[in-house]
Amino acid sequence: MGNPLLDVSAVIDQSFLDKYGLDKNNQILAEDKHQPMYKEMGHLPGVEYIPGGATQNSIRIAQWMLQVAGATSYMGCVGKDDFGKKMSEIATKDGVNVRYMIDAETATGTCGVCVSKDGSRSLVANLAAANNYKVDHLKEKDNFALLEQARIIYSAGFFLTASAESMLTAAKHAAANNKVYCVNISAPFLLQVPPFKKVFTETMPYVDYLFGNETEAEAFAESEGWKTKNTTEIAAKIASLPKENGARCRTVVITQGALPTVVASQGKIVHVPVITLEKEKLVDTNGAGDAFVGGFLSQLVAGKDVQECCRAGNFAAHVVIQRSGCTFPEKPTGFMWA
């Protein structure tokens, strides 16, 4: 479950970032001052419209890696418009079992993907319909049946801003039925804004796998009052936080760009190297973290160990950063299952 958004992706310059008060490699929710930017981006050379939203990106990647139609399902809220229809068509074509809630009164959400010439990106999400998802949709008989059938449940932290009740419902179901529940920190603001931090804290005891990057890990530490900025130490401390389901230890996975990924679990730390890429081949880092999670989940559901999960995550991220947006070829050619 997550916030389905249509990505409006364009290459911008520093003056555009300054105009709208944006920082590179950051993710925020749109304010009134950001509303004109989507129209402005629509007139920029090479603008692209790509189905997105962090959770949807990861699920599409997991589906792509698995190559088994219907292996994944996705829920979120879209408007009754062409953007919503287009996203549904593409995700369905990818093999994802899409169960959108349709809001006839609100437009499908969009996300401004502002790509700098160095490949960094700034994301500005205008949630619109995505913000209107209701737990009642999850509880509908056919939709809840999907939850009951699932072995792994994943949401990006962004979804907490739209339907924390839905996330907690899924999280508690996972803990009660010994299923794997996964969450992504997604953005520092989710830990810095008190109402969001509160629901994040309420969700954490149910989290079996927590994903994030080094900036988000540092924000987590700050929100907890921990006096460390060491990614390895932070991962270990998060892994040891109280947990509802004692059947498995929590695993914390922190990516660090070109540096090795930090994995903390069962009192142990593993550093997994990433795949190196020549600078001139880097196109766009948007979706890299989502792609890593999608690749990771594709192996987790198959019972692979953390090393194999990270290898698949690295492969998927390596493919995506050489393309515009979170897009991928027809098949994951080059990835060999262990």
C-alpha atoms as a PDB file:
ATOM      1  CA  MET A   1       0.000   0.000   0.000  1.00  0.00           C
ATOM      2  CA  GLY A   2       1.227   3.469  -0.799  1.00  0.00           C
ATOM      3  CA  ASN A   3       0.709   6.816  -2.495  1.00  0.00           C
ATOM      4  CA  PRO A   4       0.366   6.297  -6.275  1.00  0.00           C
ATOM      5  CA  LEU A   5       1.686   9.392  -8.035  1.00  0.00           C
ATOM      6  CA  LEU A   6       2.403  10.314 -11.617  1.00  0.00           C
ATOM      7  CA  ASP A   7       6.000  11.518 -11.769  1.00  0.00           C
ATOM      8  CA  VAL A   8       6.570  14.704 -13.773  1.00  0.00           C
ATOM      9  CA  SER A   9      10.286  14.423 -14.433  1.00  0.00           C
ATOM     10  CA  ALA A  10      12.510  17.075 -15.996  1.00  0.00           C
ATOM     11  CA  VAL A  11      16.098  18.278 -15.902  1.00  0.00           C
ATOM     12  CA  ILE A  12      16.299  21.615 -14.115  1.00  0.00           C
ATOM     13  CA  ASP A  13      19.009  24.107 -13.138  1.00  0.00           C
ATOM     14  CA  GLN A  14      19.981  25.681  -9.831  1.00  0.00           C
ATOM     15  CA  SER A  15      17.809  28.733 -10.481  1.00  0.00           C
ATOM     16  CA  PHE A  16      14.720  26.491 -10.597  1.00  0.00           C
ATOM     17  CA  LEU A  17      15.648  24.940  -7.248  1.00  0.00           C
ATOM     18  CA  ASP A  18      16.224  28.378  -5.761  1.00  0.00           C
ATOM     19  CA  LYS A  19      12.935  29.695  -7.157  1.00  0.00           C
ATOM     20  CA  TYR A  20      10.929  27.040  -5.343  1.00  0.00           C
ATOM     21  CA  GLY A  21      13.140  26.695  -2.259  1.00  0.00           C
ATOM     22  CA  LEU A  22      14.247  23.147  -3.058  1.00  0.00           C
ATOM     23  CA  ASP A  23      17.330  21.199  -2.011  1.00  0.00           C
ATOM     24  CA  LYS A  24      19.091  18.496  -3.989  1.00  0.00           C
ATOM     25  CA  ASN A  25      18.540  14.904  -2.832  1.00  0.00           C
ATOM     26  CA  ASN A  26      15.530  15.797  -0.720  1.00  0.00           C
ATOM     27  CA  GLN A  27      11.844  14.815  -0.584  1.00  0.00           C
ATOM     28  CA  ILE A  28       9.042  17.106   0.573  1.00  0.00           C
ATOM     29  CA  LEU A  29       5.273  17.512   0.358  1.00  0.00           C
ATOM     30  CA  ALA A  30       4.112  20.320  -1.913  1.00  0.00           C
ATOM     31  CA  GLU A  31       3.004  23.608  -0.374  1.00  0.00           C
ATOM     32  CA  ASP A  32       1.016  26.369  -2.068  1.00  0.00           C
ATOM     33  CA  LYS A  33       4.219  27.979  -3.317  1.00  0.00           C
ATOM     34  CA  HIS A  34       5.093  24.805  -5.230  1.00  0.00           C
ATOM     35  CA  GLN A  35       1.846  24.479  -7.207  1.00  0.00           C
ATOM     36  CA  PRO A  36       3.041  26.499 -10.263  1.00  0.00           C
ATOM     37  CA  MET A  37       6.120  24.319 -10.675  1.00  0.00           C
ATOM     38  CA  TYR A  38       4.246  21.374 -12.200  1.00  0.00           C
ATOM     39  CA  LYS A  39       2.950  23.482 -15.092  1.00  0.00           C
ATOM     40  CA  GLU A  40       6.383  25.064 -15.522  1.00  0.00           C
ATOM     41  CA  MET A  41       8.025  21.626 -15.622  1.00  0.00           C
ATOM     42  CA  GLY A  42       5.510  20.556 -18.262  1.00  0.00           C
ATOM     43  CA  HIS A  43       7.014  23.131 -20.621  1.00  0.00           C
ATOM     44  CA  LEU A  44      10.645  22.126 -20.037  1.00  0.00           C
ATOM     45  CA  PRO A  45      12.511  20.237 -22.788  1.00  0.00           C
ATOM     46  CA  GLY A  46      12.414  16.458 -22.424  1.00  0.00           C
ATOM     47  CA  VAL A  47       9.778  16.381 -19.676  1.00  0.00           C
ATOM     48  CA  GLU A  48       8.550  12.842 -18.950  1.00  0.00           C
ATOM     49  CA  TYR A  49       5.441  11.455 -17.260  1.00  0.00           C
ATOM     50  CA  ILE A  50       6.197   8.199 -15.415  1.00  0.00           C
ATOM     51  CA  PRO A  51       4.027   6.127 -13.026  1.00  0.00           C
ATOM     52  CA  GLY A  52       5.527   6.577  -9.586  1.00  0.00           C
ATOM     53  CA  GLY A  53       5.111   6.889  -5.883  1.00  0.00           C
ATOM     54  CA  ALA A  54       7.752   5.197  -3.732  1.00  0.00           C
ATOM     55  CA  THR A  55       5.809   2.056  -2.824  1.00  0.00           C
ATOM     56  CA  GLN A  56       4.454   1.565  -6.326  1.00  0.00           C
ATOM     57  CA  ASN A  57       7.995   1.895  -7.714  1.00  0.00           C
ATOM     58  CA  SER A  58       9.277  -0.833  -5.394  1.00  0.00           C
ATOM     59  CA  ILE A  59       6.384  -3.179  -6.133  1.00  0.00           C
ATOM     60  CA  ARG A  60       6.775  -2.756  -9.891  1.00  0.00           C
ATOM     61  CA  ILE A  61      10.497  -3.524  -9.552  1.00  0.00           C
ATOM     62  CA  ALA A  62       9.824  -6.597  -7.387  1.00  0.00           C
ATOM     63  CA  GLN A  63       7.300  -7.772  -9.971  1.00  0.00           C
ATOM     64  CA  TRP A  64       9.843  -7.183 -12.756  1.00  0.00           C
ATOM     65  CA  MET A  65      12.498  -9.177 -10.927  1.00  0.00           C
ATOM     66  CA  LEU A  66      10.111 -12.068 -10.182  1.00  0.00           C
ATOM     67  CA  GLN A  67       8.695 -12.284 -13.729  1.00  0.00           C
ATOM     68  CA  VAL A  68       5.579 -14.102 -12.423  1.00  0.00           C
ATOM     69  CA  ALA A  69       2.346 -12.303 -13.273  1.00  0.00           C
ATOM     70  CA  GLY A  70       0.275 -11.469 -10.209  1.00  0.00           C
ATOM     71  CA  ALA A  71       3.085 -12.198  -7.748  1.00  0.00           C
ATOM     72  CA  THR A  72       2.558  -8.720  -6.297  1.00  0.00           C
ATOM     73  CA  SER A  73      -0.455  -6.558  -5.452  1.00  0.00           C
ATOM     74  CA  TYR A  74      -0.721  -2.843  -4.796  1.00  0.00           C
ATOM     75  CA  MET A  75      -3.315  -0.553  -3.202  1.00  0.00           C
ATOM     76  CA  GLY A  76      -3.551   3.227  -3.106  1.00  0.00           C
ATOM     77  CA  CYS A  77      -5.915   6.014  -4.118  1.00  0.00           C
ATOM     78  CA  VAL A  78      -6.104   7.738  -7.513  1.00  0.00           C
ATOM     79  CA  GLY A  79      -8.525  10.107  -9.171  1.00  0.00           C
ATOM     80  CA  LYS A  80     -11.082   9.179 -11.783  1.00  0.00           C
ATOM     81  CA  ASP A  81      -8.982  10.648 -14.602  1.00  0.00           C
ATOM     82  CA  ASP A  82      -6.591   9.826 -17.417  1.00  0.00           C
ATOM     83  CA  PHE A  83      -3.520   9.890 -15.150  1.00  0.00           C
ATOM     84  CA  GLY A  84      -5.063   7.285 -12.859  1.00  0.00           C
ATOM     85  CA  LYS A  85      -6.121   5.114 -15.798  1.00  0.00           C
ATOM     86  CA  LYS A  86      -2.644   5.342 -17.330  1.00  0.00           C
ATOM     87  CA  MET A  87      -0.936   4.267 -14.128  1.00  0.00           C
ATOM     88  CA  SER A  88      -3.316   1.344 -13.735  1.00  0.00           C
ATOM     89  CA  GLU A  89      -2.705   0.243 -17.320  1.00  0.00           C
ATOM     90  CA  ILE A  90       1.085   0.359 -16.978  1.00  0.00           C
ATOM     91  CA  ALA A  91       1.245  -1.381 -13.585  1.00  0.00           C
ATOM     92  CA  THR A  92      -1.165  -4.067 -14.776  1.00  0.00           C
ATOM     93  CA  LYS A  93       0.899  -4.567 -17.925  1.00  0.00           C
ATOM     94  CA  ASP A  94       3.930  -4.993 -15.659  1.00  0.00           C
ATOM     95  CA  GLY A  95       2.117  -7.884 -13.947  1.00  0.00           C
ATOM     96  CA  VAL A  96       1.086  -6.111 -10.734  1.00  0.00           C
ATOM     97  CA  ASN A  97      -2.399  -6.844  -9.369  1.00  0.00           C
ATOM     98  CA  VAL A  98      -3.603  -3.242  -8.984  1.00  0.00           C
ATOM     99  CA  ARG A  99      -6.439  -2.461  -6.565  1.00  0.00           C
ATOM    100  CA  TYR A 100      -6.776   1.316  -6.618  1.00  0.00           C
ATOM    101  CA  MET A 101      -9.382   3.122  -4.583  1.00  0.00           C
ATOM    102  CA  ILE A 102     -10.988   5.657  -6.969  1.00  0.00           C
ATOM    103  CA  ASP A 103     -11.737   9.175  -5.720  1.00  0.00           C
ATOM    104  CA  ALA A 104     -14.104  10.762  -8.234  1.00  0.00           C
ATOM    105  CA  GLU A 105     -13.778  14.200  -6.626  1.00  0.00           C
ATOM    106  CA  THR A 106      -9.978  14.601  -6.567  1.00  0.00           C
ATOM    107  CA  ALA A 107      -7.279  14.466  -9.234  1.00  0.00           C
ATOM    108  CA  THR A 108      -4.602  11.779  -9.292  1.00  0.00           C
ATOM    109  CA  GLY A 109      -1.533  12.841  -7.324  1.00  0.00           C
ATOM    110  CA  THR A 110       1.661  14.006  -8.991  1.00  0.00           C
ATOM    111  CA  CYS A 111       5.304  14.256  -7.986  1.00  0.00           C
ATOM    112  CA  GLY A 112       7.696  16.811  -9.393  1.00  0.00           C
ATOM    113  CA  VAL A 113      11.001  15.032 -10.020  1.00  0.00           C
ATOM    114  CA  CYS A 114      13.537  17.812 -10.387  1.00  0.00           C
ATOM    115  CA  VAL A 115      16.686  16.250 -11.829  1.00  0.00           C
ATOM    116  CA  SER A 116      19.910  18.263 -11.681  1.00  0.00           C
ATOM    117  CA  LYS A 117      22.598  17.847 -14.309  1.00  0.00           C
ATOM    118  CA  ASP A 118      24.757  15.905 -11.827  1.00  0.00           C
ATOM    119  CA  GLY A 119      22.026  13.225 -11.575  1.00  0.00           C
ATOM    120  CA  SER A 120      20.785  14.263  -8.117  1.00  0.00           C
ATOM    121  CA  ARG A 121      17.074  14.849  -7.657  1.00  0.00           C
ATOM    122  CA  SER A 122      14.609  16.786  -5.549  1.00  0.00           C
ATOM    123  CA  LEU A 123      11.104  15.364  -5.140  1.00  0.00           C
ATOM    124  CA  VAL A 124       8.015  17.466  -4.483  1.00  0.00           C
ATOM    125  CA  ALA A 125       4.869  15.381  -3.974  1.00  0.00           C
ATOM    126  CA  ASN A 126       1.400  16.815  -4.516  1.00  0.00           C
ATOM    127  CA  LEU A 127      -0.573  13.923  -3.031  1.00  0.00           C
ATOM    128  CA  ALA A 128      -4.078  15.007  -4.118  1.00  0.00           C
ATOM    129  CA  ALA A 129      -6.156  11.784  -4.372  1.00  0.00           C
ATOM    130  CA  ALA A 130      -3.351   9.687  -2.894  1.00  0.00           C
ATOM    131  CA  ASN A 131      -3.918  11.511   0.381  1.00  0.00           C
ATOM    132  CA  ASN A 132      -7.521  10.288   0.520  1.00  0.00           C
ATOM    133  CA  TYR A 133      -6.965   6.549   0.882  1.00  0.00           C
ATOM    134  CA  LYS A 134      -9.251   5.023   3.521  1.00  0.00           C
ATOM    135  CA  VAL A 135      -8.824   1.906   5.596  1.00  0.00           C
ATOM    136  CA  ASP A 136     -12.357   0.909   4.568  1.00  0.00           C
ATOM    137  CA  HIS A 137     -10.985   0.126   1.104  1.00  0.00           C
ATOM    138  CA  LEU A 138      -8.398  -2.226   2.601  1.00  0.00           C
ATOM    139  CA  LYS A 139     -11.103  -3.921   4.652  1.00  0.00           C
ATOM    140  CA  GLU A 140     -13.315  -4.660   1.647  1.00  0.00           C
ATOM    141  CA  LYS A 141     -13.632  -8.435   1.308  1.00  0.00           C
ATOM    142  CA  ASP A 142     -11.656  -8.889  -1.919  1.00  0.00           C
ATOM    143  CA  ASN A 143      -8.939  -6.453  -0.878  1.00  0.00           C
ATOM    144  CA  PHE A 144      -8.500  -7.872   2.602  1.00  0.00           C
ATOM    145  CA  ALA A 145      -8.246 -11.303   0.995  1.00  0.00           C
ATOM    146  CA  LEU A 146      -5.085 -10.065  -0.746  1.00  0.00           C
ATOM    147  CA  LEU A 147      -3.668  -9.000   2.603  1.00  0.00           C
ATOM    148  CA  GLU A 148      -4.463 -12.427   4.009  1.00  0.00           C
ATOM    149  CA  GLN A 149      -2.752 -14.125   1.064  1.00  0.00           C
ATOM    150  CA  ALA A 150       0.386 -11.989   1.247  1.00  0.00           C
ATOM    151  CA  ARG A 151       3.555 -13.315   2.859  1.00  0.00           C
ATOM    152  CA  ILE A 152       5.354  -9.968   2.764  1.00  0.00           C
ATOM    153  CA  ILE A 153       3.697  -6.566   3.235  1.00  0.00           C
ATOM    154  CA  TYR A 154       5.501  -3.343   2.306  1.00  0.00           C
ATOM    155  CA  SER A 155       4.782   0.377   2.512  1.00  0.00           C
ATOM    156  CA  ALA A 156       6.998   3.393   2.162  1.00  0.00           C
ATOM    157  CA  GLY A 157       6.854   5.690   5.176  1.00  0.00           C
ATOM    158  CA  PHE A 158       5.233   8.331   2.978  1.00  0.00           C
ATOM    159  CA  PHE A 159       1.953   6.413   3.294  1.00  0.00           C
ATOM    160  CA  LEU A 160       1.785   7.335   6.983  1.00  0.00           C
ATOM    161  CA  THR A 161       0.810  10.863   5.933  1.00  0.00           C
ATOM    162  CA  ALA A 162      -2.179   9.511   3.990  1.00  0.00           C
ATOM    163  CA  SER A 163      -3.507   6.547   5.956  1.00  0.00           C
ATOM    164  CA  ALA A 164      -1.650   5.627   9.112  1.00  0.00           C
ATOM    165  CA  GLU A 165      -4.681   3.560  10.124  1.00  0.00           C
ATOM    166  CA  SER A 166      -4.271   1.378   7.032  1.00  0.00           C
ATOM    167  CA  MET A 167      -0.581   0.847   7.750  1.00  0.00           C
ATOM    168  CA  LEU A 168      -1.247  -0.098  11.353  1.00  0.00           C
ATOM    169  CA  THR A 169      -4.027  -2.465  10.304  1.00  0.00           C
ATOM    170  CA  ALA A 170      -1.638  -4.236   7.932  1.00  0.00           C
ATOM    171  CA  ALA A 171       1.193  -4.164  10.463  1.00  0.00           C
ATOM    172  CA  LYS A 172      -0.897  -5.722  13.232  1.00  0.00           C
ATOM    173  CA  HIS A 173      -2.222  -8.349  10.827  1.00  0.00           C
ATOM    174  CA  ALA A 174       1.350  -9.253   9.892  1.00  0.00           C
ATOM    175  CA  ALA A 175       2.465  -9.566  13.518  1.00  0.00           C
ATOM    176  CA  ALA A 176      -0.587 -11.640  14.505  1.00  0.00           C
ATOM    177  CA  ASN A 177      -0.077 -14.026  11.581  1.00  0.00           C
ATOM    178  CA  ASN A 178       3.731 -14.192  11.622  1.00  0.00           C
ATOM    179  CA  LYS A 179       4.097 -12.449   8.278  1.00  0.00           C
ATOM    180  CA  VAL A 180       6.958 -10.173   7.270  1.00  0.00           C
ATOM    181  CA  TYR A 181       6.159  -6.470   7.579  1.00  0.00           C
ATOM    182  CA  CYS A 182       8.475  -3.980   5.857  1.00  0.00           C
ATOM    183  CA  VAL A 183       8.636  -0.194   5.958  1.00  0.00           C
ATOM    184  CA  ASN A 184      10.886   2.445   4.416  1.00  0.00           C
ATOM    185  CA  ILE A 185      11.796   5.562   6.389  1.00  0.00           C
ATOM    186  CA  SER A 186      11.412   7.421   3.058  1.00  0.00           C
ATOM    187  CA  ALA A 187      12.240  10.984   4.141  1.00  0.00           C
ATOM    188  CA  PRO A 188      13.656  12.897   7.132  1.00  0.00           C
ATOM    189  CA  PHE A 189      10.513  15.033   7.532  1.00  0.00           C
ATOM    190  CA  LEU A 190       8.527  11.963   8.590  1.00  0.00           C
ATOM    191  CA  LEU A 191      10.731  11.830  11.690  1.00  0.00           C
ATOM    192  CA  GLN A 192      11.001  15.580  12.219  1.00  0.00           C
ATOM    193  CA  VAL A 193       7.311  16.589  12.144  1.00  0.00           C
ATOM    194  CA  PRO A 194       5.770  15.570  15.504  1.00  0.00           C
ATOM    195  CA  PRO A 195       2.447  14.110  14.221  1.00  0.00           C
ATOM    196  CA  PHE A 196       4.268  11.984  11.639  1.00  0.00           C
ATOM    197  CA  LYS A 197       6.944  10.929  14.118  1.00  0.00           C
ATOM    198  CA  LYS A 198       4.210   9.830  16.511  1.00  0.00           C
ATOM    199  CA  VAL A 199       2.595   7.426  14.021  1.00  0.00           C
ATOM    200  CA  PHE A 200       6.005   6.231  12.835  1.00  0.00           C
ATOM    201  CA  THR A 201       6.858   5.355  16.431  1.00  0.00           C
ATOM    202  CA  GLU A 202       3.529   3.528  16.826  1.00  0.00           C
ATOM    203  CA  THR A 203       4.301   1.470  13.720  1.00  0.00           C
ATOM    204  CA  MET A 204       7.909   0.569  14.561  1.00  0.00           C
ATOM    205  CA  PRO A 205       7.195  -2.346  16.975  1.00  0.00           C
ATOM    206  CA  TYR A 206       5.579  -4.226  14.071  1.00  0.00           C
ATOM    207  CA  VAL A 207       8.395  -3.619  11.573  1.00  0.00           C
ATOM    208  CA  ASP A 208      10.460  -6.679  10.629  1.00  0.00           C
ATOM    209  CA  TYR A 209      12.510  -4.963   7.910  1.00  0.00           C
ATOM    210  CA  LEU A 210      13.254  -1.246   7.942  1.00  0.00           C
ATOM    211  CA  PHE A 211      14.858   0.410   4.915  1.00  0.00           C
ATOM    212  CA  GLY A 212      16.405   3.848   4.575  1.00  0.00           C
ATOM    213  CA  ASN A 213      19.434   5.805   3.441  1.00  0.00           C
ATOM    214  CA  GLU A 214      22.180   7.394   5.515  1.00  0.00           C
ATOM    215  CA  THR A 215      20.447  10.803   5.695  1.00  0.00           C
ATOM    216  CA  GLU A 216      17.204   9.221   6.896  1.00  0.00           C
ATOM    217  CA  ALA A 217      19.114   7.090   9.407  1.00  0.00           C
ATOM    218  CA  GLU A 218      20.706  10.210  10.853  1.00  0.00           C
ATOM    219  CA  ALA A 219      17.265  11.870  11.078  1.00  0.00           C
ATOM    220  CA  PHE A 220      15.985   8.779  12.921  1.00  0.00           C
ATOM    221  CA  ALA A 221      18.822   9.056  15.433  1.00  0.00           C
ATOM    222  CA  GLU A 222      18.173  12.747  15.985  1.00  0.00           C
ATOM    223  CA  SER A 223      14.450  12.106  16.509  1.00  0.00           C
ATOM    224  CA  GLU A 224      15.310   9.561  19.207  1.00  0.00           C
ATOM    225  CA  GLY A 225      17.867  11.829  20.886  1.00  0.00           C
ATOM    226  CA  TRP A 226      20.785   9.509  20.092  1.00  0.00           C
ATOM    227  CA  LYS A 227      24.167  11.222  20.141  1.00  0.00           C
ATOM    228  CA  THR A 228      25.639   9.537  17.096  1.00  0.00           C
ATOM    229  CA  LYS A 229      25.790  10.107  13.358  1.00  0.00           C
ATOM    230  CA  ASN A 230      27.498   6.799  12.652  1.00  0.00           C
ATOM    231  CA  THR A 231      25.287   4.869  10.237  1.00  0.00           C
ATOM    232  CA  THR A 232      26.414   1.469  11.523  1.00  0.00           C
ATOM    233  CA  GLU A 233      25.700   2.395  15.140  1.00  0.00           C
ATOM    234  CA  ILE A 234      22.305   3.843  14.231  1.00  0.00           C
ATOM    235  CA  ALA A 235      21.304   0.728  12.282  1.00  0.00           C
ATOM    236  CA  ALA A 236      22.243  -1.474  15.234  1.00  0.00           C
ATOM    237  CA  LYS A 237      20.268   0.675  17.677  1.00  0.00           C
ATOM    238  CA  ILE A 238      17.166   0.675  15.459  1.00  0.00           C
ATOM    239  CA  ALA A 239      17.378  -3.105  15.080  1.00  0.00           C
ATOM    240  CA  SER A 240      17.348  -3.500  18.862  1.00  0.00           C
ATOM    241  CA  LEU A 241      14.257  -1.345  19.495  1.00  0.00           C
ATOM    242  CA  PRO A 242      11.249  -3.169  21.054  1.00  0.00           C
ATOM    243  CA  LYS A 243       9.405  -5.474  18.674  1.00  0.00           C
ATOM    244  CA  GLU A 244       5.907  -6.969  18.794  1.00  0.00           C
ATOM    245  CA  ASN A 245       6.544 -10.217  16.916  1.00  0.00           C
ATOM    246  CA  GLY A 246       9.309 -12.115  18.676  1.00  0.00           C
ATOM    247  CA  ALA A 247       9.413 -14.857  16.035  1.00  0.00           C
ATOM    248  CA  ARG A 248      12.115 -12.963  14.122  1.00  0.00           C
ATOM    249  CA  CYS A 249      14.620 -10.237  14.842  1.00  0.00           C
ATOM    250  CA  ARG A 250      14.303  -6.881  13.134  1.00  0.00           C
ATOM    251  CA  THR A 251      16.590  -6.297  10.150  1.00  0.00           C
ATOM    252  CA  VAL A 252      17.645  -2.740   9.313  1.00  0.00           C
ATOM    253  CA  VAL A 253      18.980  -2.004   5.842  1.00  0.00           C
ATOM    254  CA  ILE A 254      20.638   1.383   5.243  1.00  0.00           C
ATOM    255  CA  THR A 255      21.922   2.308   1.787  1.00  0.00           C
ATOM    256  CA  GLN A 256      24.715   4.859   1.428  1.00  0.00           C
ATOM    257  CA  GLY A 257      24.861   5.751  -2.243  1.00  0.00           C
ATOM    258  CA  ALA A 258      28.146   4.464  -3.664  1.00  0.00           C
ATOM    259  CA  LEU A 259      29.286   3.235  -0.228  1.00  0.00           C
ATOM    260  CA  PRO A 260      28.473  -0.277   1.066  1.00  0.00           C
ATOM    261  CA  THR A 261      24.950  -0.942   2.332  1.00  0.00           C
ATOM    262  CA  VAL A 262      24.747  -1.450   6.107  1.00  0.00           C
ATOM    263  CA  VAL A 263      22.632  -4.365   7.339  1.00  0.00           C
ATOM    264  CA  ALA A 264      21.993  -4.820  11.072  1.00  0.00           C
ATOM    265  CA  SER A 265      20.245  -7.912  12.432  1.00  0.00           C
ATOM    266  CA  GLN A 266      20.543 -10.371  15.312  1.00  0.00           C
ATOM    267  CA  GLY A 267      23.273  -8.273  16.918  1.00  0.00           C
ATOM    268  CA  LYS A 268      25.459  -8.496  13.820  1.00  0.00           C
ATOM    269  CA  ILE A 269      26.480  -5.954  11.185  1.00  0.00           C
ATOM    270  CA  VAL A 270      27.111  -6.744   7.525  1.00  0.00           C
ATOM    271  CA  HIS A 271      28.467  -4.293   4.935  1.00  0.00           C
ATOM    272  CA  VAL A 272      27.441  -5.188   1.373  1.00  0.00           C
ATOM    273  CA  PRO A 273      29.336  -3.451  -1.474  1.00  0.00           C
ATOM    274  CA  VAL A 274      27.308  -1.838  -4.262  1.00  0.00           C
ATOM    275  CA  ILE A 275      27.908  -2.168  -8.005  1.00  0.00           C
ATOM    276  CA  THR A 276      30.209   0.589  -9.221  1.00  0.00           C
ATOM    277  CA  LEU A 277      29.117   2.763 -12.145  1.00  0.00           C
ATOM    278  CA  GLU A 278      31.124   5.150 -14.295  1.00  0.00           C
ATOM    279  CA  LYS A 279      29.993   8.734 -13.685  1.00  0.00           C
ATOM    280  CA  GLU A 280      29.190   9.317 -17.353  1.00  0.00           C
ATOM    281  CA  LYS A 281      26.664   6.435 -17.283  1.00  0.00           C
ATOM    282  CA  LEU A 282      24.666   7.925 -14.410  1.00  0.00           C
ATOM    283  CA  VAL A 283      21.397   9.326 -15.753  1.00  0.00           C
ATOM    284  CA  ASP A 284      19.090   9.846 -12.781  1.00  0.00           C
ATOM    285  CA  THR A 285      19.156   8.715  -9.143  1.00  0.00           C
ATOM    286  CA  ASN A 286      15.362   9.100  -8.828  1.00  0.00           C
ATOM    287  CA  GLY A 287      13.936   5.736  -7.837  1.00  0.00           C
ATOM    288  CA  ALA A 288      17.291   4.180  -6.959  1.00  0.00           C
ATOM    289  CA  GLY A 289      16.284   3.527  -3.356  1.00  0.00           C
ATOM    290  CA  ASP A 290      12.855   2.273  -4.412  1.00  0.00           C
ATOM    291  CA  ALA A 291      14.490  -0.054  -6.946  1.00  0.00           C
ATOM    292  CA  PHE A 292      16.866  -1.403  -4.298  1.00  0.00           C
ATOM    293  CA  VAL A 293      13.916  -2.255  -2.050  1.00  0.00           C
ATOM    294  CA  GLY A 294      12.037  -3.890  -4.921  1.00  0.00           C
ATOM    295  CA  GLY A 295      15.003  -6.071  -5.792  1.00  0.00           C
ATOM    296  CA  PHE A 296      15.540  -6.920  -2.124  1.00  0.00           C
ATOM    297  CA  LEU A 297      11.907  -7.958  -1.658  1.00  0.00           C
ATOM    298  CA  SER A 298      11.982 -10.165  -4.764  1.00  0.00           C
ATOM    299  CA  GLN A 299      14.572 -12.363  -3.078  1.00  0.00           C
ATOM    300  CA  LEU A 300      13.168 -12.071   0.433  1.00  0.00           C
ATOM    301  CA  VAL A 301       9.874 -13.616  -0.690  1.00  0.00           C
ATOM    302  CA  ALA A 302      11.889 -16.457  -2.232  1.00  0.00           C
ATOM    303  CA  GLY A 303      13.572 -17.188   1.113  1.00  0.00           C
ATOM    304  CA  LYS A 304      17.023 -15.888   0.179  1.00  0.00           C
ATOM    305  CA  ASP A 305      19.488 -14.564   2.754  1.00  0.00           C
ATOM    306  CA  VAL A 306      20.352 -10.907   3.286  1.00  0.00           C
ATOM    307  CA  GLN A 307      23.416 -11.048   1.017  1.00  0.00           C
ATOM    308  CA  GLU A 308      21.312 -12.314  -1.888  1.00  0.00           C
ATOM    309  CA  CYS A 309      18.553  -9.806  -1.150  1.00  0.00           C
ATOM    310  CA  CYS A 310      21.084  -6.971  -1.258  1.00  0.00           C
ATOM    311  CA  ARG A 311      22.666  -8.346  -4.435  1.00  0.00           C
ATOM    312  CA  ALA A 312      19.273  -8.216  -6.154  1.00  0.00           C
ATOM    313  CA  GLY A 313      18.630  -4.756  -4.727  1.00  0.00           C
ATOM    314  CA  ASN A 314      21.977  -3.526  -6.023  1.00  0.00           C
ATOM    315  CA  PHE A 315      21.260  -5.004  -9.453  1.00  0.00           C
ATOM    316  CA  ALA A 316      17.870  -3.296  -9.714  1.00  0.00           C
ATOM    317  CA  ALA A 317      19.205   0.064  -8.517  1.00  0.00           C
ATOM    318  CA  HIS A 318      22.155  -0.225 -10.930  1.00  0.00           C
ATOM    319  CA  VAL A 319      19.717  -0.674 -13.836  1.00  0.00           C
ATOM    320  CA  VAL A 320      17.402   2.160 -12.800  1.00  0.00           C
ATOM    321  CA  ILE A 321      20.075   4.858 -12.299  1.00  0.00           C
ATOM    322  CA  GLN A 322      21.156   4.400 -15.898  1.00  0.00           C
ATOM    323  CA  ARG A 323      17.646   5.318 -17.093  1.00  0.00           C
ATOM    324  CA  SER A 324      15.272   8.227 -16.639  1.00  0.00           C
ATOM    325  CA  GLY A 325      12.979   7.787 -13.657  1.00  0.00           C
ATOM    326  CA  CYS A 326      12.079   4.441 -12.130  1.00  0.00           C
ATOM    327  CA  THR A 327      11.928   2.594 -15.442  1.00  0.00           C
ATOM    328  CA  PHE A 328      13.352  -0.718 -16.563  1.00  0.00           C
ATOM    329  CA  PRO A 329      13.767  -2.953 -19.624  1.00  0.00           C
ATOM    330  CA  GLU A 330      11.364  -5.786 -20.381  1.00  0.00           C
ATOM    331  CA  LYS A 331      13.328  -8.386 -18.427  1.00  0.00           C
ATOM    332  CA  PRO A 332      16.034  -8.283 -15.709  1.00  0.00           C
ATOM    333  CA  THR A 333      18.647  -9.610 -18.104  1.00  0.00           C
ATOM    334  CA  GLY A 334      21.963 -10.106 -16.375  1.00  0.00           C
ATOM    335  CA  PHE A 335      20.622 -11.110 -12.980  1.00  0.00           C
ATOM    336  CA  MET A 336      21.303 -14.730 -12.105  1.00  0.00           C
ATOM    337  CA  TRP A 337      19.256 -16.326  -9.335  1.00  0.00           C
ATOM    338  CA  ALA A 338      21.327 -18.148  -6.731  1.00  0.00           C
END
